[in-house]
């Protein structure tokens, strides 16, 4: 399952830190930020529903994260 989120992450250093946090929290998933996209996309590939965990992790660090429809 691939889920796509829009975020307000705009710096590569921050994105890399968040990728580390997400990988620790959801080790079965893979993550990729596209900061060049206007929605600053976060793509998540996971075998189960990990939406809540992704949103909670980014929100916990003060960043907006919402599932794109």
N, C-alpha and C. Protein backbone atom coordinates (compact mmCIF):
# COMPACT_ATOMS: atom_id res chain seq x y z
N UNK A 1 0.85 -1.16 0.00
CA UNK A 1 0.00 0.00 0.00
C UNK A 1 0.90 1.23 0.00
N UNK A 2 0.60 2.18 -0.88
CA UNK A 2 1.33 3.44 -0.92
C UNK A 2 0.37 4.55 -0.51
N UNK A 3 0.82 5.34 0.46
CA UNK A 3 0.04 6.49 0.91
C UNK A 3 0.83 7.75 0.63
N UNK A 4 0.15 8.81 0.25
CA UNK A 4 0.80 10.08 -0.08
C UNK A 4 0.25 11.16 0.83
N UNK A 5 1.15 11.89 1.46
CA UNK A 5 0.79 12.94 2.40
C UNK A 5 1.33 14.27 1.92
N UNK A 6 0.59 15.35 2.18
CA UNK A 6 1.15 16.68 1.99
C UNK A 6 1.67 17.14 3.36
N UNK A 7 2.78 17.86 3.34
CA UNK A 7 3.40 18.32 4.58
C UNK A 7 3.83 19.78 4.43
N UNK A 8 4.32 20.33 5.51
CA UNK A 8 4.92 21.66 5.43
C UNK A 8 6.42 21.60 5.72
N UNK A 9 7.01 20.44 5.54
CA UNK A 9 8.46 20.27 5.71
C UNK A 9 9.13 20.88 4.48
N UNK A 10 10.05 21.82 4.70
CA UNK A 10 10.66 22.49 3.55
C UNK A 10 12.18 22.48 3.54
N UNK A 11 12.80 21.77 4.46
CA UNK A 11 14.25 21.70 4.52
C UNK A 11 14.71 20.25 4.49
N UNK A 12 15.73 19.95 3.72
CA UNK A 12 16.24 18.59 3.59
C UNK A 12 16.74 18.06 4.94
N UNK A 13 17.39 18.88 5.73
CA UNK A 13 17.91 18.44 7.03
C UNK A 13 16.76 17.99 7.94
N UNK A 14 15.69 18.74 7.96
CA UNK A 14 14.51 18.38 8.76
C UNK A 14 13.87 17.10 8.20
N UNK A 15 13.76 17.03 6.88
CA UNK A 15 13.17 15.84 6.25
C UNK A 15 13.98 14.59 6.63
N UNK A 16 15.30 14.70 6.59
CA UNK A 16 16.14 13.56 6.94
C UNK A 16 15.96 13.14 8.40
N UNK A 17 15.84 14.12 9.29
CA UNK A 17 15.61 13.82 10.70
C UNK A 17 14.28 13.10 10.87
N UNK A 18 13.24 13.61 10.19
CA UNK A 18 11.92 13.00 10.29
C UNK A 18 11.90 11.59 9.68
N UNK A 19 12.63 11.39 8.60
CA UNK A 19 12.72 10.05 8.01
C UNK A 19 13.32 9.06 9.00
N UNK A 20 14.31 9.50 9.76
CA UNK A 20 14.89 8.64 10.79
C UNK A 20 13.89 8.30 11.88
N UNK A 21 13.14 9.30 12.32
CA UNK A 21 12.11 9.09 13.35
C UNK A 21 11.02 8.15 12.84
N UNK A 22 10.57 8.37 11.60
CA UNK A 22 9.53 7.51 11.02
C UNK A 22 10.01 6.08 10.85
N UNK A 23 11.25 5.91 10.41
CA UNK A 23 11.81 4.57 10.23
C UNK A 23 11.93 3.83 11.55
N UNK A 24 12.25 4.55 12.61
CA UNK A 24 12.34 3.93 13.94
C UNK A 24 10.96 3.53 14.44
N UNK A 25 9.97 4.37 14.19
CA UNK A 25 8.62 4.10 14.66
C UNK A 25 7.92 3.03 13.82
N UNK A 26 8.15 3.04 12.51
CA UNK A 26 7.49 2.12 11.58
C UNK A 26 8.55 1.42 10.72
N UNK A 27 9.32 0.50 11.31
CA UNK A 27 10.45 -0.11 10.58
C UNK A 27 10.04 -0.93 9.36
N UNK A 28 8.79 -1.34 9.28
CA UNK A 28 8.33 -2.14 8.14
C UNK A 28 7.98 -1.29 6.93
N UNK A 29 8.01 0.03 7.07
CA UNK A 29 7.61 0.94 6.00
C UNK A 29 8.84 1.59 5.36
N UNK A 30 8.64 2.10 4.15
CA UNK A 30 9.68 2.91 3.52
C UNK A 30 9.10 4.29 3.23
N UNK A 31 9.95 5.30 3.29
CA UNK A 31 9.52 6.70 3.24
C UNK A 31 10.36 7.49 2.24
N UNK A 32 9.73 8.48 1.61
CA UNK A 32 10.45 9.35 0.69
C UNK A 32 9.77 10.72 0.66
N UNK A 33 10.56 11.78 0.91
CA UNK A 33 10.06 13.15 0.79
C UNK A 33 10.36 13.67 -0.61
N UNK A 34 9.43 14.40 -1.19
CA UNK A 34 9.64 15.16 -2.42
C UNK A 34 9.41 16.62 -2.08
N UNK A 35 10.48 17.29 -1.67
CA UNK A 35 10.38 18.68 -1.23
C UNK A 35 10.26 19.65 -2.40
N UNK A 36 10.51 19.18 -3.61
CA UNK A 36 10.38 20.02 -4.79
C UNK A 36 8.91 20.19 -5.19
N UNK A 37 8.07 19.26 -4.80
CA UNK A 37 6.64 19.33 -5.10
C UNK A 37 6.02 20.46 -4.27
N UNK A 38 5.03 21.13 -4.82
CA UNK A 38 4.39 22.25 -4.10
C UNK A 38 3.72 21.81 -2.80
N UNK A 39 3.33 20.54 -2.71
CA UNK A 39 2.71 20.02 -1.48
C UNK A 39 3.72 19.38 -0.54
N UNK A 40 5.01 19.43 -0.91
CA UNK A 40 6.09 18.83 -0.10
C UNK A 40 5.69 17.40 0.33
N UNK A 41 5.54 16.59 -0.68
CA UNK A 41 4.99 15.24 -0.57
C UNK A 41 5.85 14.31 0.28
N UNK A 42 5.18 13.51 1.08
CA UNK A 42 5.80 12.39 1.77
C UNK A 42 5.09 11.14 1.26
N UNK A 43 5.84 10.25 0.61
CA UNK A 43 5.29 8.97 0.13
C UNK A 43 5.70 7.88 1.10
N UNK A 44 4.73 7.06 1.46
CA UNK A 44 4.96 5.98 2.41
C UNK A 44 4.48 4.67 1.79
N UNK A 45 5.37 3.69 1.79
CA UNK A 45 4.99 2.35 1.34
C UNK A 45 5.00 1.46 2.56
N UNK A 46 3.84 0.84 2.83
CA UNK A 46 3.67 0.04 4.05
C UNK A 46 2.69 -1.09 3.76
N UNK A 47 2.89 -2.22 4.39
CA UNK A 47 2.01 -3.37 4.17
C UNK A 47 0.72 -3.30 4.99
N UNK A 48 0.67 -2.37 5.92
CA UNK A 48 -0.54 -2.19 6.73
C UNK A 48 -0.86 -0.69 6.77
N UNK A 49 -1.97 -0.34 7.36
CA UNK A 49 -2.36 1.06 7.47
C UNK A 49 -1.47 1.74 8.51
N UNK A 50 -0.65 2.66 8.04
CA UNK A 50 0.25 3.36 8.96
C UNK A 50 -0.02 4.87 8.97
N UNK A 51 -1.18 5.27 8.46
CA UNK A 51 -1.54 6.68 8.36
C UNK A 51 -1.44 7.40 9.71
N UNK A 52 -2.08 6.84 10.72
CA UNK A 52 -2.11 7.50 12.03
C UNK A 52 -0.70 7.67 12.59
N UNK A 53 0.13 6.66 12.46
CA UNK A 53 1.50 6.75 12.98
C UNK A 53 2.32 7.81 12.28
N UNK A 54 2.16 7.94 10.97
CA UNK A 54 2.89 8.96 10.21
C UNK A 54 2.44 10.35 10.62
N UNK A 55 1.15 10.57 10.65
CA UNK A 55 0.60 11.88 11.02
C UNK A 55 1.00 12.24 12.46
N UNK A 56 0.88 11.31 13.37
CA UNK A 56 1.24 11.56 14.78
C UNK A 56 2.71 11.93 14.91
N UNK A 57 3.57 11.22 14.20
CA UNK A 57 5.01 11.47 14.32
C UNK A 57 5.37 12.87 13.81
N UNK A 58 4.86 13.25 12.65
CA UNK A 58 5.17 14.58 12.14
C UNK A 58 4.55 15.67 13.02
N UNK A 59 3.31 15.46 13.47
CA UNK A 59 2.66 16.43 14.36
C UNK A 59 3.43 16.58 15.67
N UNK A 60 3.98 15.49 16.18
CA UNK A 60 4.73 15.53 17.44
C UNK A 60 5.97 16.41 17.32
N UNK A 61 6.48 16.58 16.10
CA UNK A 61 7.65 17.42 15.87
C UNK A 61 7.27 18.79 15.33
N UNK A 62 5.97 19.11 15.37
CA UNK A 62 5.51 20.44 15.01
C UNK A 62 5.25 20.67 13.53
N UNK A 63 5.12 19.59 12.77
CA UNK A 63 4.88 19.72 11.33
C UNK A 63 3.48 19.24 10.95
N UNK A 64 2.94 19.89 9.93
CA UNK A 64 1.63 19.52 9.39
C UNK A 64 1.82 18.31 8.47
N UNK A 65 0.87 17.40 8.53
CA UNK A 65 0.90 16.22 7.67
C UNK A 65 -0.55 15.76 7.48
N UNK A 66 -0.97 15.67 6.23
CA UNK A 66 -2.34 15.25 5.94
C UNK A 66 -2.33 14.31 4.73
N UNK A 67 -3.16 13.29 4.81
CA UNK A 67 -3.28 12.33 3.71
C UNK A 67 -3.91 13.03 2.51
N UNK A 68 -3.28 12.91 1.35
CA UNK A 68 -3.84 13.47 0.12
C UNK A 68 -4.93 12.55 -0.38
N UNK A 69 -6.00 13.13 -0.86
CA UNK A 69 -7.09 12.29 -1.37
C UNK A 69 -6.97 12.10 -2.86
